[in-house]
Protein backbone atom coordinates (compact mmCIF):
# COMPACT_ATOMS: atom_id res chain seq x y z
CA MET A 1 8.50 -23.09 -7.62
CA ILE A 2 5.90 -20.84 -7.08
CA ASN A 3 6.42 -17.66 -8.22
CA GLU A 4 5.99 -15.50 -5.26
CA ASN A 5 5.15 -12.37 -7.50
CA SER A 6 2.00 -14.45 -9.40
CA CYS A 7 -0.61 -13.05 -6.77
CA CYS A 8 -0.02 -11.35 -3.45
CA ALA A 9 -1.26 -12.12 -0.16
CA VAL A 10 -4.95 -11.57 -0.85
CA THR A 11 -5.38 -12.62 -4.08
CA THR A 12 -5.51 -15.79 -5.80
CA GLY A 13 -3.36 -15.17 -9.32
CA GLY A 14 -4.69 -11.30 -9.54
CA VAL A 15 -7.96 -12.52 -8.46
CA ALA A 16 -9.25 -10.75 -5.28
CA THR A 17 -9.88 -13.40 -2.26
CA SER A 18 -13.63 -11.81 -1.54
CA ASP A 19 -13.65 -13.26 -5.46
CA VAL A 20 -13.00 -16.83 -3.98
CA MET A 21 -15.28 -16.20 -1.17
CA SER A 22 -17.70 -15.21 -3.18
CA ALA A 23 -17.87 -18.14 -5.70
CA VAL A 24 -17.85 -20.86 -2.94
CA GLY A 25 -20.19 -19.30 -0.50
CA GLU A 26 -22.77 -21.32 -1.87
CA ARG A 27 -20.93 -24.58 -0.60
CA LYS A 28 -22.06 -25.51 2.84
CA ILE A 29 -19.51 -25.36 5.98
CA GLY A 30 -17.01 -27.16 5.46
CA MET A 31 -14.11 -28.51 7.80
CA GLN A 32 -12.66 -25.66 9.75
CA THR A 33 -10.19 -27.37 12.09
CA ASN A 34 -6.77 -27.20 11.81
CA GLU A 35 -6.32 -31.04 11.64
CA ASP A 36 -9.04 -31.44 9.46
CA ILE A 37 -8.04 -29.02 6.82
CA GLU A 38 -4.50 -30.70 6.90
CA LYS A 39 -6.24 -33.72 6.12
CA LEU A 40 -6.98 -32.11 2.82
CA ARG A 41 -3.43 -32.04 1.70
CA PRO A 42 -3.63 -35.31 -0.33
CA ARG A 43 -6.71 -34.55 -1.84
CA LEU A 44 -5.36 -30.77 -3.29
CA PHE A 45 -1.83 -32.75 -4.02
CA GLY A 46 -3.67 -35.38 -6.33
CA LEU A 47 -5.25 -32.00 -8.05
CA ALA A 48 -1.95 -30.23 -8.45
CA TYR A 49 -0.17 -32.94 -9.54
CA ARG A 50 -2.56 -33.80 -12.13
CA VAL A 51 -2.23 -30.91 -13.58
CA LEU A 52 1.23 -29.84 -13.34
CA GLY A 53 2.46 -33.75 -14.05
CA SER A 54 5.22 -33.04 -11.79
CA ARG A 55 5.41 -33.96 -7.60
CA GLN A 56 7.68 -31.35 -6.63
CA GLU A 57 5.79 -28.41 -8.27
CA ALA A 58 2.91 -30.20 -7.08
CA GLU A 59 4.05 -29.99 -3.12
CA ASP A 60 5.37 -26.43 -3.87
CA VAL A 61 1.25 -25.43 -5.02
CA VAL A 62 -0.15 -27.12 -2.13
CA GLN A 63 2.23 -25.65 0.24
CA GLU A 64 1.64 -21.99 -1.11
CA ALA A 65 -2.25 -22.76 -1.21
CA PHE A 66 -1.69 -23.40 2.65
CA LEU A 67 0.33 -20.64 3.56
CA ARG A 68 -2.26 -18.35 1.83
CA TRP A 69 -5.42 -20.16 3.81
CA HIS A 70 -3.30 -18.95 6.95
CA GLY A 71 -3.31 -15.79 6.17
CA ALA A 72 -6.61 -15.14 4.90
CA GLU A 73 -9.32 -13.45 6.48
CA ARG A 74 -11.85 -16.36 7.22
CA GLY A 75 -14.69 -14.42 8.68
CA GLU A 76 -16.82 -14.83 5.26
CA ILE A 77 -15.07 -18.63 4.06
CA ARG A 78 -18.02 -21.11 4.26
CA SER A 79 -16.22 -24.14 2.70
CA ALA A 80 -12.24 -24.62 3.45
CA GLU A 81 -11.59 -27.27 1.11
CA ALA A 82 -13.77 -25.13 -1.78
CA TRP A 83 -11.43 -22.15 -1.26
CA LEU A 84 -8.32 -24.23 -1.20
CA VAL A 85 -8.96 -26.17 -4.36
CA THR A 86 -9.96 -22.87 -6.04
CA VAL A 87 -6.76 -20.74 -4.86
CA SER A 88 -4.88 -24.05 -5.80
CA SER A 89 -6.24 -24.20 -9.31
CA ARG A 90 -5.12 -20.73 -9.89
CA LEU A 91 -1.72 -21.68 -8.67
CA CYS A 92 -1.51 -24.26 -10.75
CA LEU A 93 -2.92 -22.41 -13.46
CA ASP A 94 -0.40 -19.57 -13.10
CA ARG A 95 2.74 -21.97 -13.22
CA LEU A 96 1.40 -24.32 -15.82
CA ARG A 97 2.00 -21.52 -18.31
CA THR A 98 5.29 -21.08 -17.44
CA LEU A 99 6.29 -24.96 -17.72
CA GLN A 100 4.57 -25.08 -20.99
CA THR A 101 7.06 -22.56 -22.16
CA GLU A 102 9.90 -24.43 -20.37
CA ARG A 103 8.87 -27.60 -21.76
CA GLN A 104 9.05 -26.68 -25.57
CA ARG A 105 12.58 -26.43 -25.21
CA TYR A 106 13.11 -30.04 -23.31
CA VAL A 107 15.47 -32.49 -24.88
CA GLY A 108 13.17 -35.37 -26.24
CA PRO A 109 10.14 -36.68 -25.26
CA TRP A 110 8.65 -35.24 -21.94
CA LEU A 111 6.77 -37.79 -19.34
CA PRO A 112 5.17 -36.46 -16.52
CA GLU A 113 7.33 -37.40 -13.05
CA PRO A 114 6.80 -41.17 -11.92
CA LEU A 115 4.53 -41.52 -8.58
CA LEU A 116 5.66 -44.59 -6.40
CA ALA A 117 3.62 -45.80 -3.75
CA ASP A 118 3.14 -43.71 -0.78
CA GLU A 119 2.57 -45.01 2.68
CA ARG A 120 2.97 -41.81 4.64
CA SER A 121 -0.43 -41.65 5.51
CA PRO A 122 -3.62 -43.51 4.87
CA ASP A 123 -4.99 -40.07 3.32
CA HIS A 124 -1.74 -40.62 0.86
CA ALA A 125 -2.61 -44.03 -0.08
CA ILE A 126 -6.21 -43.98 -0.67
CA GLU A 127 -5.54 -40.73 -2.93
CA LEU A 128 -3.10 -42.80 -4.98
CA ALA A 129 -5.74 -45.50 -5.06
CA SER A 130 -7.40 -43.22 -7.53
CA ASP A 131 -6.57 -42.71 -11.26
CA PHE A 132 -3.12 -41.13 -11.44
CA SER A 133 -2.04 -43.32 -14.33
CA MET A 134 0.32 -42.18 -16.76
CA ALA A 135 -2.56 -42.96 -19.68
CA LEU A 136 -4.50 -40.29 -17.83
CA LEU A 137 -1.83 -37.95 -17.39
CA MET A 138 -0.86 -38.04 -21.05
CA VAL A 139 -4.32 -37.38 -22.48
CA LEU A 140 -4.40 -34.40 -20.00
CA GLN A 141 -1.44 -33.33 -21.17
CA ARG A 142 -2.51 -32.87 -24.79
CA LEU A 143 -5.43 -30.27 -23.04
CA SER A 144 -4.55 -26.37 -22.94
CA ALA A 145 -3.92 -25.46 -19.44
CA GLU A 146 -7.59 -23.99 -19.04
CA GLU A 147 -8.94 -26.89 -20.33
CA ARG A 148 -6.82 -29.03 -17.93
CA VAL A 149 -7.76 -27.19 -15.08
CA GLY A 150 -11.15 -26.56 -15.59
CA PHE A 151 -12.06 -30.12 -16.70
CA LEU A 152 -10.41 -31.52 -13.34
CA MET A 153 -11.99 -29.27 -11.41
CA HIS A 154 -15.48 -29.61 -12.47
CA ASP A 155 -15.16 -33.52 -13.62
CA VAL A 156 -12.70 -34.67 -10.62
CA PHE A 157 -13.07 -32.23 -8.02
CA ASP A 158 -17.11 -31.55 -8.11
CA CYS A 159 -16.33 -27.77 -7.99
CA ALA A 160 -19.29 -25.50 -9.37
CA TYR A 161 -18.43 -23.06 -12.71
CA SER A 162 -18.52 -20.14 -10.39
CA GLU A 163 -15.85 -21.68 -8.75
CA ILE A 164 -14.24 -22.68 -12.08
CA ALA A 165 -14.87 -19.26 -13.15
CA VAL A 166 -12.66 -17.60 -10.50
CA ALA A 167 -9.78 -19.85 -11.08
CA LEU A 168 -9.95 -19.39 -14.77
CA GLY A 169 -10.69 -15.51 -15.16
CA LYS A 170 -13.83 -16.14 -17.44
CA SER A 171 -17.36 -16.10 -17.69
CA GLU A 172 -19.48 -19.48 -16.48
CA ALA A 173 -20.84 -19.92 -19.83
CA ALA A 174 -17.23 -19.90 -21.04
CA CYS A 175 -16.40 -22.54 -18.84
CA ARG A 176 -19.24 -24.40 -19.23
CA GLN A 177 -18.14 -24.91 -22.86
CA LEU A 178 -14.34 -25.22 -22.37
CA VAL A 179 -15.16 -27.99 -19.56
CA HIS A 180 -17.49 -29.68 -22.27
CA ARG A 181 -14.83 -29.49 -25.01
CA ALA A 182 -11.93 -31.16 -22.67
CA ARG A 183 -14.30 -33.81 -21.77
CA GLU A 184 -14.82 -34.63 -25.13
CA ARG A 185 -11.35 -34.68 -26.06
CA VAL A 186 -10.61 -37.10 -22.67
CA ARG A 187 -13.02 -39.52 -23.79
CA ARG A 188 -11.69 -39.69 -27.67
CA ASP A 189 -8.12 -40.03 -26.41
CA LYS A 190 -8.51 -42.34 -23.30
CA PRO A 191 -7.34 -45.92 -23.78
CA ARG A 192 -10.26 -47.74 -25.83
CA PHE A 193 -9.57 -51.09 -23.70
CA GLU A 194 -10.63 -51.40 -19.43
CA VAL A 195 -8.27 -53.76 -18.29
CA SER A 196 -8.52 -55.01 -14.40
CA ASP A 197 -5.88 -54.37 -12.38
CA THR A 198 -5.11 -57.80 -11.69
CA ALA A 199 -4.42 -58.30 -15.83
CA HIS A 200 -2.64 -55.06 -16.06
CA ARG A 201 -0.38 -56.55 -13.23
CA GLN A 202 -0.18 -60.24 -14.22
CA LEU A 203 1.27 -58.87 -17.99
CA VAL A 204 3.54 -56.82 -16.53
CA GLU A 205 4.99 -59.44 -14.09
CA ARG A 206 5.79 -61.25 -17.07
CA TYR A 207 7.46 -58.53 -19.11
CA VAL A 208 9.89 -57.92 -16.07
CA LYS A 209 10.38 -61.58 -15.60
CA ALA A 210 11.65 -61.20 -19.36
CA VAL A 211 13.65 -58.21 -19.17
CA GLN A 212 15.61 -60.10 -16.04
CA GLU A 213 16.23 -62.85 -18.25
CA ARG A 214 17.18 -60.84 -20.98
CA ASP A 215 14.88 -63.19 -23.42
CA ALA A 216 14.39 -60.56 -26.03
CA GLU A 217 11.95 -63.62 -27.71
CA ARG A 218 9.45 -63.33 -25.03
CA ILE A 219 9.92 -59.41 -24.22
CA ALA A 220 8.94 -59.10 -28.24
CA GLU A 221 6.00 -61.29 -27.89
CA LEU A 222 4.08 -59.27 -24.79
CA LEU A 223 4.43 -56.23 -26.72
CA ALA A 224 1.84 -55.57 -29.46
CA PRO A 225 3.38 -55.62 -32.72
CA ASP A 226 2.88 -51.83 -33.22
CA ALA A 227 3.88 -50.89 -29.36
CA VAL A 228 5.39 -47.47 -28.57
CA PHE A 229 8.26 -47.44 -26.43
CA VAL A 230 8.41 -43.32 -24.83
CA SER A 231 11.72 -42.68 -22.73
CA ASP A 232 12.31 -38.97 -20.91
CA GLY A 233 16.11 -38.23 -20.37
CA GLY A 234 15.59 -34.49 -20.30
CA GLY A 235 18.87 -34.63 -22.29
CA LYS A 236 20.82 -35.58 -18.88
CA THR A 237 21.06 -38.89 -19.45
CA TRP A 238 20.60 -41.52 -22.16
CA ALA A 239 17.23 -42.40 -23.64
CA ALA A 240 15.98 -42.27 -27.54
CA LEU A 241 15.08 -38.91 -28.42
CA ARG A 242 12.35 -40.42 -30.30
CA PRO A 243 9.56 -42.93 -30.07
CA VAL A 244 10.42 -46.20 -30.64
CA THR A 245 7.75 -48.09 -32.51
CA GLY A 246 7.32 -52.21 -32.99
CA ALA A 247 7.59 -54.92 -30.54
CA ASP A 248 10.90 -56.64 -32.21
CA ARG A 249 12.88 -53.14 -32.01
CA ILE A 250 11.36 -52.05 -28.60
CA ALA A 251 12.90 -56.18 -27.38
CA ARG A 252 15.90 -55.64 -29.26
CA MET A 253 16.77 -52.26 -27.68
CA GLU A 254 15.75 -53.51 -24.42
CA VAL A 255 18.19 -56.10 -24.19
CA GLY A 256 20.82 -54.23 -26.12
CA VAL A 257 20.56 -51.66 -22.86
CA LEU A 258 20.55 -54.07 -20.43
CA ALA A 259 23.82 -55.35 -22.01
CA LYS A 260 25.55 -51.57 -21.29
CA LEU A 261 24.66 -51.10 -17.81
CA PRO A 262 26.55 -51.90 -14.86
CA GLN A 263 26.96 -55.49 -13.32
CA GLY A 264 24.95 -54.08 -10.05
CA PHE A 265 21.45 -52.96 -12.33
CA ALA A 266 18.33 -54.81 -11.32
CA VAL A 267 14.70 -54.57 -12.41
CA GLU A 268 11.78 -55.47 -9.72
CA LEU A 269 7.87 -55.22 -10.25
CA VAL A 270 6.52 -51.81 -7.83
CA ASN A 271 3.59 -49.50 -8.22
CA VAL A 272 3.81 -46.59 -10.03
CA ASN A 273 0.83 -44.35 -10.33
CA GLY A 274 -1.21 -46.71 -8.79
CA GLN A 275 -0.68 -49.28 -11.61
CA ALA A 276 1.94 -52.18 -11.80
CA GLY A 277 5.05 -50.98 -13.35
CA MET A 278 8.73 -51.85 -13.34
CA ILE A 279 11.80 -49.83 -11.75
CA GLY A 280 15.40 -50.10 -12.32
CA LYS A 281 18.11 -49.94 -9.91
CA VAL A 282 21.79 -49.56 -9.88
CA ASP A 283 23.38 -50.88 -6.88
CA GLY A 284 20.13 -49.56 -5.10
CA ARG A 285 19.84 -46.42 -6.43
CA THR A 286 16.77 -45.62 -8.78
CA HIS A 287 18.15 -45.48 -12.18
CA ALA A 288 14.44 -45.69 -14.12
CA VAL A 289 11.05 -46.13 -13.55
CA THR A 290 8.78 -47.57 -16.20
CA SER A 291 4.90 -47.49 -16.75
CA PHE A 292 3.03 -49.39 -19.27
CA MET A 293 -0.53 -49.05 -20.68
CA THR A 294 -2.36 -52.36 -21.98
CA ALA A 295 -4.55 -54.12 -23.59
CA GLY A 296 -5.30 -57.09 -21.42
CA LEU A 297 -3.31 -59.54 -23.54
CA ARG A 298 -0.39 -57.45 -25.08
CA ILE A 299 1.27 -54.01 -24.01
CA LEU A 300 0.21 -51.41 -25.91
CA SER A 301 2.92 -48.77 -24.81
CA VAL A 302 6.26 -48.61 -22.31
CA MET A 303 6.64 -45.39 -20.65
CA ARG A 304 10.30 -44.77 -19.13
CA VAL A 305 11.36 -41.98 -17.15
CA LEU A 306 15.45 -42.12 -17.09
CA ASN A 307 15.81 -37.81 -16.18
CA PRO A 308 17.40 -38.32 -12.53
CA GLU A 309 15.80 -35.03 -11.83
CA LYS A 310 12.48 -36.55 -11.97
CA LEU A 311 14.04 -39.60 -10.26
CA LYS A 312 15.79 -37.74 -7.21
CA LEU A 313 12.32 -38.14 -4.73
CA ASN A 314 12.23 -41.95 -5.89
CA HIS A 315 15.43 -42.59 -4.76
CA SER A 316 15.94 -45.33 -1.79
């Protein structure tokens, strides 16, 4: 949850609202009706989720940003969107610093909370269609808190450096350097292969079918020889405490684990973070959500979230 003491009603993480208004003042007058401003929620959620890797934390940030919007003096605010993005970014930065300390004590590998297809509104569906892939989220996790916020504000949300400077509490020149450094790291660490959604889906469909049939040989054939399996249980359920490497080892583990699960366990294809993935359920209740990174012909990595705290919003 958002720390109420991180910034008061007229500040954003210690930065005065007047500074935010000054930073966004150069933008054209934005949408000001309550109905139009509410339509910004999916976009703000997209920012917060990419920064924090948590659906619940992202929703808390967006809610807090809107509470501050409703309590702000709006006479000098020329762009609601710019103001809300800047405030949300600052809230994300404050929260991320706390989360990074907590994650240092996390049991086993940490993976972002999976985001399943959400049909609550067309706006949410459109936002989900943008790049929320686990592969990108994992790259972003390697950036510092300030690099992550600065990169997303500039390269994804088209914010001016004056706005980024307010959110980060740095000079515009320092923000330019920070964003450039983050951009270079993202380019370096992003998957080398551009895979179409169709090719990715077809490969994942074959993997899901092989798992359904508990066919270790076919599972291994779909994996790259040096494929990596990462599972996140958070110490709350069984999960591998270290990554498992190698197609044969992963295939044997998949089939071995399946043999130990209740008879009511079943897997099916599902949309995870905008890409084809796999969900495992026990008697209709979500047990695991799996994302994949592929190279078109083979699966490079399998990322499975088992931590029940990260799955509670995805229970059917």
